Amino acid sequence: MGCMRVNMHDAKTNLSRLVAAVESGETDEVEIARAGHVVARIVPPRPRSQRRPGYWAGRIHIHPDFDELPDDIAAAFNGEQP
């Protein structure tokens, strides 16, 4: 495995084939170059980490007046002048 570099025209022409090569593990990544300079890479997605319920418990504090809408903002939502 390794890295494959293609120019922009080849990438546009063969996008499905390049994605399939990364997906199958034929190559680790595909670099897309314009005028010899890499401008993009096709890489496999990073594995998602498992969600942990309660991860933010104790870290987030909601202010007691969170659900109270100030009169001037309520008026603006209703199209009225405050």
PDB file of N, CA and C in Angstrom:
ATOM      1  N   MET A   1       0.855  -1.181   0.000  1.00  0.00           N
ATOM      2  CA  MET A   1       0.000   0.000   0.000  1.00  0.00           C
ATOM      3  C   MET A   1       0.889   1.228   0.000  1.00  0.00           C
ATOM      4  N   GLY A   2       0.288   2.331  -0.122  1.00  0.00           N
ATOM      5  CA  GLY A   2       1.026   3.579  -0.150  1.00  0.00           C
ATOM      6  C   GLY A   2       0.107   4.683  -0.604  1.00  0.00           C
ATOM      7  N   CYS A   3       0.718   5.641  -1.252  1.00  0.00           N
ATOM      8  CA  CYS A   3      -0.023   6.813  -1.706  1.00  0.00           C
ATOM      9  C   CYS A   3      -0.005   6.851  -3.227  1.00  0.00           C
ATOM     10  N   MET A   4      -1.114   7.243  -3.805  1.00  0.00           N
ATOM     11  CA  MET A   4      -1.222   7.372  -5.247  1.00  0.00           C
ATOM     12  C   MET A   4      -1.449   8.856  -5.542  1.00  0.00           C
ATOM     13  N   ARG A   5      -0.748   9.414  -6.527  1.00  0.00           N
ATOM     14  CA  ARG A   5      -0.945  10.816  -6.887  1.00  0.00           C
ATOM     15  C   ARG A   5      -1.471  10.882  -8.316  1.00  0.00           C
ATOM     16  N   VAL A   6      -2.537  11.662  -8.491  1.00  0.00           N
ATOM     17  CA  VAL A   6      -3.125  11.843  -9.824  1.00  0.00           C
ATOM     18  C   VAL A   6      -3.341  13.332 -10.057  1.00  0.00           C
ATOM     19  N   ASN A   7      -3.408  13.710 -11.331  1.00  0.00           N
ATOM     20  CA  ASN A   7      -3.692  15.116 -11.608  1.00  0.00           C
ATOM     21  C   ASN A   7      -5.201  15.357 -11.580  1.00  0.00           C
ATOM     22  N   MET A   8      -5.600  16.595 -11.571  1.00  0.00           N
ATOM     23  CA  MET A   8      -7.005  16.974 -11.417  1.00  0.00           C
ATOM     24  C   MET A   8      -7.874  16.368 -12.515  1.00  0.00           C
ATOM     25  N   HIS A   9      -7.420  16.385 -13.743  1.00  0.00           N
ATOM     26  CA  HIS A   9      -8.211  15.844 -14.842  1.00  0.00           C
ATOM     27  C   HIS A   9      -8.457  14.346 -14.659  1.00  0.00           C
ATOM     28  N   ASP A  10      -7.393  13.606 -14.298  1.00  0.00           N
ATOM     29  CA  ASP A  10      -7.555  12.167 -14.060  1.00  0.00           C
ATOM     30  C   ASP A  10      -8.490  11.904 -12.883  1.00  0.00           C
ATOM     31  N   ALA A  11      -8.412  12.743 -11.859  1.00  0.00           N
ATOM     32  CA  ALA A  11      -9.287  12.566 -10.696  1.00  0.00           C
ATOM     33  C   ALA A  11     -10.752  12.750 -11.092  1.00  0.00           C
ATOM     34  N   LYS A  12     -11.019  13.764 -11.918  1.00  0.00           N
ATOM     35  CA  LYS A  12     -12.406  13.987 -12.350  1.00  0.00           C
ATOM     36  C   LYS A  12     -12.897  12.834 -13.218  1.00  0.00           C
ATOM     37  N   THR A  13     -12.023  12.336 -14.062  1.00  0.00           N
ATOM     38  CA  THR A  13     -12.396  11.261 -14.977  1.00  0.00           C
ATOM     39  C   THR A  13     -12.593   9.933 -14.262  1.00  0.00           C
ATOM     40  N   ASN A  14     -11.790   9.673 -13.235  1.00  0.00           N
ATOM     41  CA  ASN A  14     -11.765   8.355 -12.596  1.00  0.00           C
ATOM     42  C   ASN A  14     -12.128   8.391 -11.116  1.00  0.00           C
ATOM     43  N   LEU A  15     -12.952   9.321 -10.707  1.00  0.00           N
ATOM     44  CA  LEU A  15     -13.254   9.480  -9.284  1.00  0.00           C
ATOM     45  C   LEU A  15     -13.759   8.181  -8.658  1.00  0.00           C
ATOM     46  N   SER A  16     -14.698   7.517  -9.273  1.00  0.00           N
ATOM     47  CA  SER A  16     -15.248   6.280  -8.705  1.00  0.00           C
ATOM     48  C   SER A  16     -14.167   5.226  -8.530  1.00  0.00           C
ATOM     49  N   ARG A  17     -13.285   5.089  -9.505  1.00  0.00           N
ATOM     50  CA  ARG A  17     -12.208   4.106  -9.427  1.00  0.00           C
ATOM     51  C   ARG A  17     -11.238   4.469  -8.299  1.00  0.00           C
ATOM     52  N   LEU A  18     -10.933   5.755  -8.130  1.00  0.00           N
ATOM     53  CA  LEU A  18     -10.010   6.187  -7.078  1.00  0.00           C
ATOM     54  C   LEU A  18     -10.606   5.950  -5.691  1.00  0.00           C
ATOM     55  N   VAL A  19     -11.884   6.258  -5.542  1.00  0.00           N
ATOM     56  CA  VAL A  19     -12.551   6.018  -4.261  1.00  0.00           C
ATOM     57  C   VAL A  19     -12.580   4.518  -3.970  1.00  0.00           C
ATOM     58  N   ALA A  20     -12.845   3.722  -4.965  1.00  0.00           N
ATOM     59  CA  ALA A  20     -12.865   2.263  -4.785  1.00  0.00           C
ATOM     60  C   ALA A  20     -11.489   1.742  -4.363  1.00  0.00           C
ATOM     61  N   ALA A  21     -10.427   2.334  -4.898  1.00  0.00           N
ATOM     62  CA  ALA A  21      -9.073   1.907  -4.535  1.00  0.00           C
ATOM     63  C   ALA A  21      -8.792   2.185  -3.068  1.00  0.00           C
ATOM     64  N   VAL A  22      -9.232   3.324  -2.574  1.00  0.00           N
ATOM     65  CA  VAL A  22      -9.052   3.650  -1.153  1.00  0.00           C
ATOM     66  C   VAL A  22      -9.951   2.760  -0.304  1.00  0.00           C
ATOM     67  N   GLU A  23     -11.176   2.579  -0.740  1.00  0.00           N
ATOM     68  CA  GLU A  23     -12.151   1.778   0.000  1.00  0.00           C
ATOM     69  C   GLU A  23     -11.704   0.321   0.144  1.00  0.00           C
ATOM     70  N   SER A  24     -11.109  -0.229  -0.903  1.00  0.00           N
ATOM     71  CA  SER A  24     -10.695  -1.629  -0.874  1.00  0.00           C
ATOM     72  C   SER A  24      -9.345  -1.837  -0.191  1.00  0.00           C
ATOM     73  N   GLY A  25      -8.639  -0.742   0.100  1.00  0.00           N
ATOM     74  CA  GLY A  25      -7.331  -0.867   0.734  1.00  0.00           C
ATOM     75  C   GLY A  25      -6.200  -1.032  -0.264  1.00  0.00           C
ATOM     76  N   GLU A  26      -6.506  -0.888  -1.550  1.00  0.00           N
ATOM     77  CA  GLU A  26      -5.473  -0.982  -2.586  1.00  0.00           C
ATOM     78  C   GLU A  26      -4.416   0.113  -2.386  1.00  0.00           C
ATOM     79  N   THR A  27      -4.843   1.250  -1.889  1.00  0.00           N
ATOM     80  CA  THR A  27      -3.946   2.362  -1.569  1.00  0.00           C
ATOM     81  C   THR A  27      -4.432   3.023  -0.290  1.00  0.00           C
ATOM     82  N   ASP A  28      -3.508   3.632   0.456  1.00  0.00           N
ATOM     83  CA  ASP A  28      -3.885   4.305   1.712  1.00  0.00           C
ATOM     84  C   ASP A  28      -4.597   5.616   1.450  1.00  0.00           C
ATOM     85  N   GLU A  29      -4.151   6.326   0.421  1.00  0.00           N
ATOM     86  CA  GLU A  29      -4.770   7.602   0.083  1.00  0.00           C
ATOM     87  C   GLU A  29      -4.454   7.940  -1.361  1.00  0.00           C
ATOM     88  N   VAL A  30      -5.251   8.847  -1.902  1.00  0.00           N
ATOM     89  CA  VAL A  30      -5.025   9.357  -3.251  1.00  0.00           C
ATOM     90  C   VAL A  30      -4.829  10.859  -3.125  1.00  0.00           C
ATOM     91  N   GLU A  31      -3.696  11.343  -3.601  1.00  0.00           N
ATOM     92  CA  GLU A  31      -3.450  12.788  -3.612  1.00  0.00           C
ATOM     93  C   GLU A  31      -3.851  13.324  -4.974  1.00  0.00           C
ATOM     94  N   ILE A  32      -4.580  14.427  -4.962  1.00  0.00           N
ATOM     95  CA  ILE A  32      -4.998  15.065  -6.209  1.00  0.00           C
ATOM     96  C   ILE A  32      -4.176  16.339  -6.355  1.00  0.00           C
ATOM     97  N   ALA A  33      -3.492  16.448  -7.491  1.00  0.00           N
ATOM     98  CA  ALA A  33      -2.588  17.577  -7.707  1.00  0.00           C
ATOM     99  C   ALA A  33      -3.065  18.450  -8.857  1.00  0.00           C
ATOM    100  N   ARG A  34      -2.766  19.739  -8.719  1.00  0.00           N
ATOM    101  CA  ARG A  34      -3.009  20.699  -9.794  1.00  0.00           C
ATOM    102  C   ARG A  34      -1.669  21.397 -10.031  1.00  0.00           C
ATOM    103  N   ALA A  35      -1.179  21.332 -11.236  1.00  0.00           N
ATOM    104  CA  ALA A  35       0.115  21.926 -11.600  1.00  0.00           C
ATOM    105  C   ALA A  35       1.230  21.397 -10.695  1.00  0.00           C
ATOM    106  N   GLY A  36       1.146  20.116 -10.338  1.00  0.00           N
ATOM    107  CA  GLY A  36       2.196  19.496  -9.546  1.00  0.00           C
ATOM    108  C   GLY A  36       2.111  19.722  -8.048  1.00  0.00           C
ATOM    109  N   HIS A  37       1.110  20.482  -7.584  1.00  0.00           N
ATOM    110  CA  HIS A  37       0.942  20.753  -6.154  1.00  0.00           C
ATOM    111  C   HIS A  37      -0.306  20.047  -5.635  1.00  0.00           C
ATOM    112  N   VAL A  38      -0.152  19.309  -4.548  1.00  0.00           N
ATOM    113  CA  VAL A  38      -1.290  18.579  -3.974  1.00  0.00           C
ATOM    114  C   VAL A  38      -2.310  19.584  -3.447  1.00  0.00           C
ATOM    115  N   VAL A  39      -3.557  19.417  -3.884  1.00  0.00           N
ATOM    116  CA  VAL A  39      -4.626  20.320  -3.448  1.00  0.00           C
ATOM    117  C   VAL A  39      -5.715  19.596  -2.668  1.00  0.00           C
ATOM    118  N   ALA A  40      -5.733  18.253  -2.728  1.00  0.00           N
ATOM    119  CA  ALA A  40      -6.760  17.496  -2.005  1.00  0.00           C
ATOM    120  C   ALA A  40      -6.290  16.056  -1.834  1.00  0.00           C
ATOM    121  N   ARG A  41      -6.940  15.377  -0.896  1.00  0.00           N
ATOM    122  CA  ARG A  41      -6.644  13.962  -0.658  1.00  0.00           C
ATOM    123  C   ARG A  41      -7.950  13.190  -0.503  1.00  0.00           C
ATOM    124  N   ILE A  42      -7.939  11.976  -1.009  1.00  0.00           N
ATOM    125  CA  ILE A  42      -9.039  11.044  -0.770  1.00  0.00           C
ATOM    126  C   ILE A  42      -8.491  10.027   0.217  1.00  0.00           C
ATOM    127  N   VAL A  43      -9.090   9.974   1.395  1.00  0.00           N
ATOM    128  CA  VAL A  43      -8.633   9.062   2.448  1.00  0.00           C
ATOM    129  C   VAL A  43      -9.838   8.334   3.013  1.00  0.00           C
ATOM    130  N   PRO A  44      -9.626   7.166   3.620  1.00  0.00           N
ATOM    131  CA  PRO A  44     -10.761   6.478   4.240  1.00  0.00           C
ATOM    132  C   PRO A  44     -11.245   7.253   5.463  1.00  0.00           C
ATOM    133  N   PRO A  45     -12.508   7.119   5.824  1.00  0.00           N
ATOM    134  CA  PRO A  45     -13.020   7.842   6.986  1.00  0.00           C
ATOM    135  C   PRO A  45     -12.393   7.329   8.278  1.00  0.00           C
ATOM    136  N   ARG A  46     -12.266   8.216   9.250  1.00  0.00           N
ATOM    137  CA  ARG A  46     -11.780   7.807  10.567  1.00  0.00           C
ATOM    138  C   ARG A  46     -12.875   7.017  11.268  1.00  0.00           C
ATOM    139  N   PRO A  47     -12.500   6.007  12.035  1.00  0.00           N
ATOM    140  CA  PRO A  47     -13.531   5.258  12.761  1.00  0.00           C
ATOM    141  C   PRO A  47     -14.208   6.155  13.797  1.00  0.00           C
ATOM    142  N   ARG A  48     -15.491   5.996  13.920  1.00  0.00           N
ATOM    143  CA  ARG A  48     -16.246   6.789  14.899  1.00  0.00           C
ATOM    144  C   ARG A  48     -16.041   6.204  16.282  1.00  0.00           C
ATOM    145  N   SER A  49     -15.883   7.086  17.237  1.00  0.00           N
ATOM    146  CA  SER A  49     -15.754   6.609  18.614  1.00  0.00           C
ATOM    147  C   SER A  49     -17.147   6.311  19.167  1.00  0.00           C
ATOM    148  N   GLN A  50     -17.196   5.440  20.127  1.00  0.00           N
ATOM    149  CA  GLN A  50     -18.470   5.086  20.747  1.00  0.00           C
ATOM    150  C   GLN A  50     -18.974   6.255  21.589  1.00  0.00           C
ATOM    151  N   ARG A  51     -20.251   6.508  21.523  1.00  0.00           N
ATOM    152  CA  ARG A  51     -20.851   7.558  22.348  1.00  0.00           C
ATOM    153  C   ARG A  51     -20.978   7.057  23.769  1.00  0.00           C
ATOM    154  N   ARG A  52     -20.727   7.938  24.700  1.00  0.00           N
ATOM    155  CA  ARG A  52     -20.860   7.585  26.109  1.00  0.00           C
ATOM    156  C   ARG A  52     -21.945   8.454  26.731  1.00  0.00           C
ATOM    157  N   PRO A  53     -23.104   7.888  27.032  1.00  0.00           N
ATOM    158  CA  PRO A  53     -24.165   8.674  27.660  1.00  0.00           C
ATOM    159  C   PRO A  53     -23.666   9.268  28.972  1.00  0.00           C
ATOM    160  N   GLY A  54     -24.025  10.529  29.177  1.00  0.00           N
ATOM    161  CA  GLY A  54     -23.651  11.194  30.415  1.00  0.00           C
ATOM    162  C   GLY A  54     -22.258  11.795  30.393  1.00  0.00           C
ATOM    163  N   TYR A  55     -21.605  11.809  29.245  1.00  0.00           N
ATOM    164  CA  TYR A  55     -20.239  12.313  29.150  1.00  0.00           C
ATOM    165  C   TYR A  55     -20.136  13.763  29.627  1.00  0.00           C
ATOM    166  N   TRP A  56     -21.144  14.574  29.329  1.00  0.00           N
ATOM    167  CA  TRP A  56     -21.120  15.995  29.706  1.00  0.00           C
ATOM    168  C   TRP A  56     -21.775  16.261  31.056  1.00  0.00           C
ATOM    169  N   ALA A  57     -22.211  15.238  31.762  1.00  0.00           N
ATOM    170  CA  ALA A  57     -22.856  15.426  33.064  1.00  0.00           C
ATOM    171  C   ALA A  57     -21.909  16.175  34.003  1.00  0.00           C
ATOM    172  N   GLY A  58     -22.437  17.223  34.613  1.00  0.00           N
ATOM    173  CA  GLY A  58     -21.649  18.013  35.549  1.00  0.00           C
ATOM    174  C   GLY A  58     -20.782  19.067  34.887  1.00  0.00           C
ATOM    175  N   ARG A  59     -20.694  19.060  33.558  1.00  0.00           N
ATOM    176  CA  ARG A  59     -19.876  20.041  32.839  1.00  0.00           C
ATOM    177  C   ARG A  59     -20.709  21.171  32.253  1.00  0.00           C
ATOM    178  N   ILE A  60     -21.986  20.933  32.089  1.00  0.00           N
ATOM    179  CA  ILE A  60     -22.887  21.909  31.481  1.00  0.00           C
ATOM    180  C   ILE A  60     -23.838  22.420  32.556  1.00  0.00           C
ATOM    181  N   HIS A  61     -23.982  23.723  32.612  1.00  0.00           N
ATOM    182  CA  HIS A  61     -24.903  24.325  33.565  1.00  0.00           C
ATOM    183  C   HIS A  61     -25.841  25.250  32.805  1.00  0.00           C
ATOM    184  N   ILE A  62     -27.135  25.031  32.955  1.00  0.00           N
ATOM    185  CA  ILE A  62     -28.136  25.851  32.283  1.00  0.00           C
ATOM    186  C   ILE A  62     -28.638  26.885  33.280  1.00  0.00           C
ATOM    187  N   HIS A  63     -28.564  28.138  32.860  1.00  0.00           N
ATOM    188  CA  HIS A  63     -28.979  29.238  33.727  1.00  0.00           C
ATOM    189  C   HIS A  63     -30.473  29.110  34.045  1.00  0.00           C
ATOM    190  N   PRO A  64     -30.895  29.460  35.260  1.00  0.00           N
ATOM    191  CA  PRO A  64     -32.303  29.295  35.657  1.00  0.00           C
ATOM    192  C   PRO A  64     -33.294  30.025  34.748  1.00  0.00           C
ATOM    193  N   ASP A  65     -32.894  31.165  34.139  1.00  0.00           N
ATOM    194  CA  ASP A  65     -33.838  31.902  33.290  1.00  0.00           C
ATOM    195  C   ASP A  65     -33.675  31.550  31.805  1.00  0.00           C
ATOM    196  N   PHE A  66     -33.119  30.387  31.499  1.00  0.00           N
ATOM    197  CA  PHE A  66     -32.862  29.989  30.122  1.00  0.00           C
ATOM    198  C   PHE A  66     -34.121  30.035  29.263  1.00  0.00           C
ATOM    199  N   ASP A  67     -35.249  29.583  29.774  1.00  0.00           N
ATOM    200  CA  ASP A  67     -36.490  29.513  28.996  1.00  0.00           C
ATOM    201  C   ASP A  67     -37.283  30.810  28.971  1.00  0.00           C
ATOM    202  N   GLU A  68     -36.830  31.830  29.667  1.00  0.00           N
ATOM    203  CA  GLU A  68     -37.549  33.108  29.692  1.00  0.00           C
ATOM    204  C   GLU A  68     -37.089  33.977  28.527  1.00  0.00           C
ATOM    205  N   LEU A  69     -38.049  34.415  27.706  1.00  0.00           N
ATOM    206  CA  LEU A  69     -37.742  35.250  26.554  1.00  0.00           C
ATOM    207  C   LEU A  69     -37.980  36.712  26.920  1.00  0.00           C
ATOM    208  N   PRO A  70     -36.959  37.566  26.814  1.00  0.00           N
ATOM    209  CA  PRO A  70     -37.145  38.988  27.126  1.00  0.00           C
ATOM    210  C   PRO A  70     -38.204  39.607  26.225  1.00  0.00           C
ATOM    211  N   ASP A  71     -38.932  40.590  26.752  1.00  0.00           N
ATOM    212  CA  ASP A  71     -40.039  41.214  26.021  1.00  0.00           C
ATOM    213  C   ASP A  71     -39.599  41.814  24.694  1.00  0.00           C
ATOM    214  N   ASP A  72     -38.440  42.478  24.662  1.00  0.00           N
ATOM    215  CA  ASP A  72     -38.011  43.124  23.422  1.00  0.00           C
ATOM    216  C   ASP A  72     -37.694  42.092  22.326  1.00  0.00           C
ATOM    217  N   ILE A  73     -37.173  40.949  22.704  1.00  0.00           N
ATOM    218  CA  ILE A  73     -36.886  39.913  21.709  1.00  0.00           C
ATOM    219  C   ILE A  73     -38.185  39.251  21.250  1.00  0.00           C
ATOM    220  N   ALA A  74     -39.130  39.034  22.169  1.00  0.00           N
ATOM    221  CA  ALA A  74     -40.430  38.470  21.794  1.00  0.00           C
ATOM    222  C   ALA A  74     -41.136  39.414  20.831  1.00  0.00           C
ATOM    223  N   ALA A  75     -41.058  40.719  21.076  1.00  0.00           N
ATOM    224  CA  ALA A  75     -41.679  41.700  20.196  1.00  0.00           C
ATOM    225  C   ALA A  75     -41.048  41.652  18.800  1.00  0.00           C
ATOM    226  N   ALA A  76     -39.736  41.522  18.749  1.00  0.00           N
ATOM    227  CA  ALA A  76     -39.040  41.462  17.450  1.00  0.00           C
ATOM    228  C   ALA A  76     -39.462  40.218  16.668  1.00  0.00           C
ATOM    229  N   PHE A  77     -39.653  39.087  17.346  1.00  0.00           N
ATOM    230  CA  PHE A  77     -40.119  37.874  16.667  1.00  0.00           C
ATOM    231  C   PHE A  77     -41.527  38.040  16.128  1.00  0.00           C
ATOM    232  N   ASN A  78     -42.325  38.877  16.786  1.00  0.00           N
ATOM    233  CA  ASN A  78     -43.704  39.116  16.355  1.00  0.00           C
ATOM    234  C   ASN A  78     -43.797  40.260  15.353  1.00  0.00           C
ATOM    235  N   GLY A  79     -42.655  40.816  14.948  1.00  0.00           N
ATOM    236  CA  GLY A  79     -42.648  41.908  13.970  1.00  0.00           C
ATOM    237  C   GLY A  79     -43.020  43.246  14.571  1.00  0.00           C
ATOM    238  N   GLU A  80     -42.991  43.362  15.870  1.00  0.00           N
ATOM    239  CA  GLU A  80     -43.339  44.605  16.554  1.00  0.00           C
ATOM    240  C   GLU A  80     -42.068  45.376  16.890  1.00  0.00           C
ATOM    241  N   GLN A  81     -42.213  46.645  17.078  1.00  0.00           N
ATOM    242  CA  GLN A  81     -41.097  47.485  17.513  1.00  0.00           C
ATOM    243  C   GLN A  81     -40.977  47.367  19.025  1.00  0.00           C
ATOM    244  N   PRO A  82     -39.807  47.109  19.553  1.00  0.00           N
ATOM    245  CA  PRO A  82     -39.659  46.998  21.014  1.00  0.00           C
ATOM    246  C   PRO A  82     -39.876  48.336  21.716  1.00  0.00           C
TER     247      PRO A  82
END
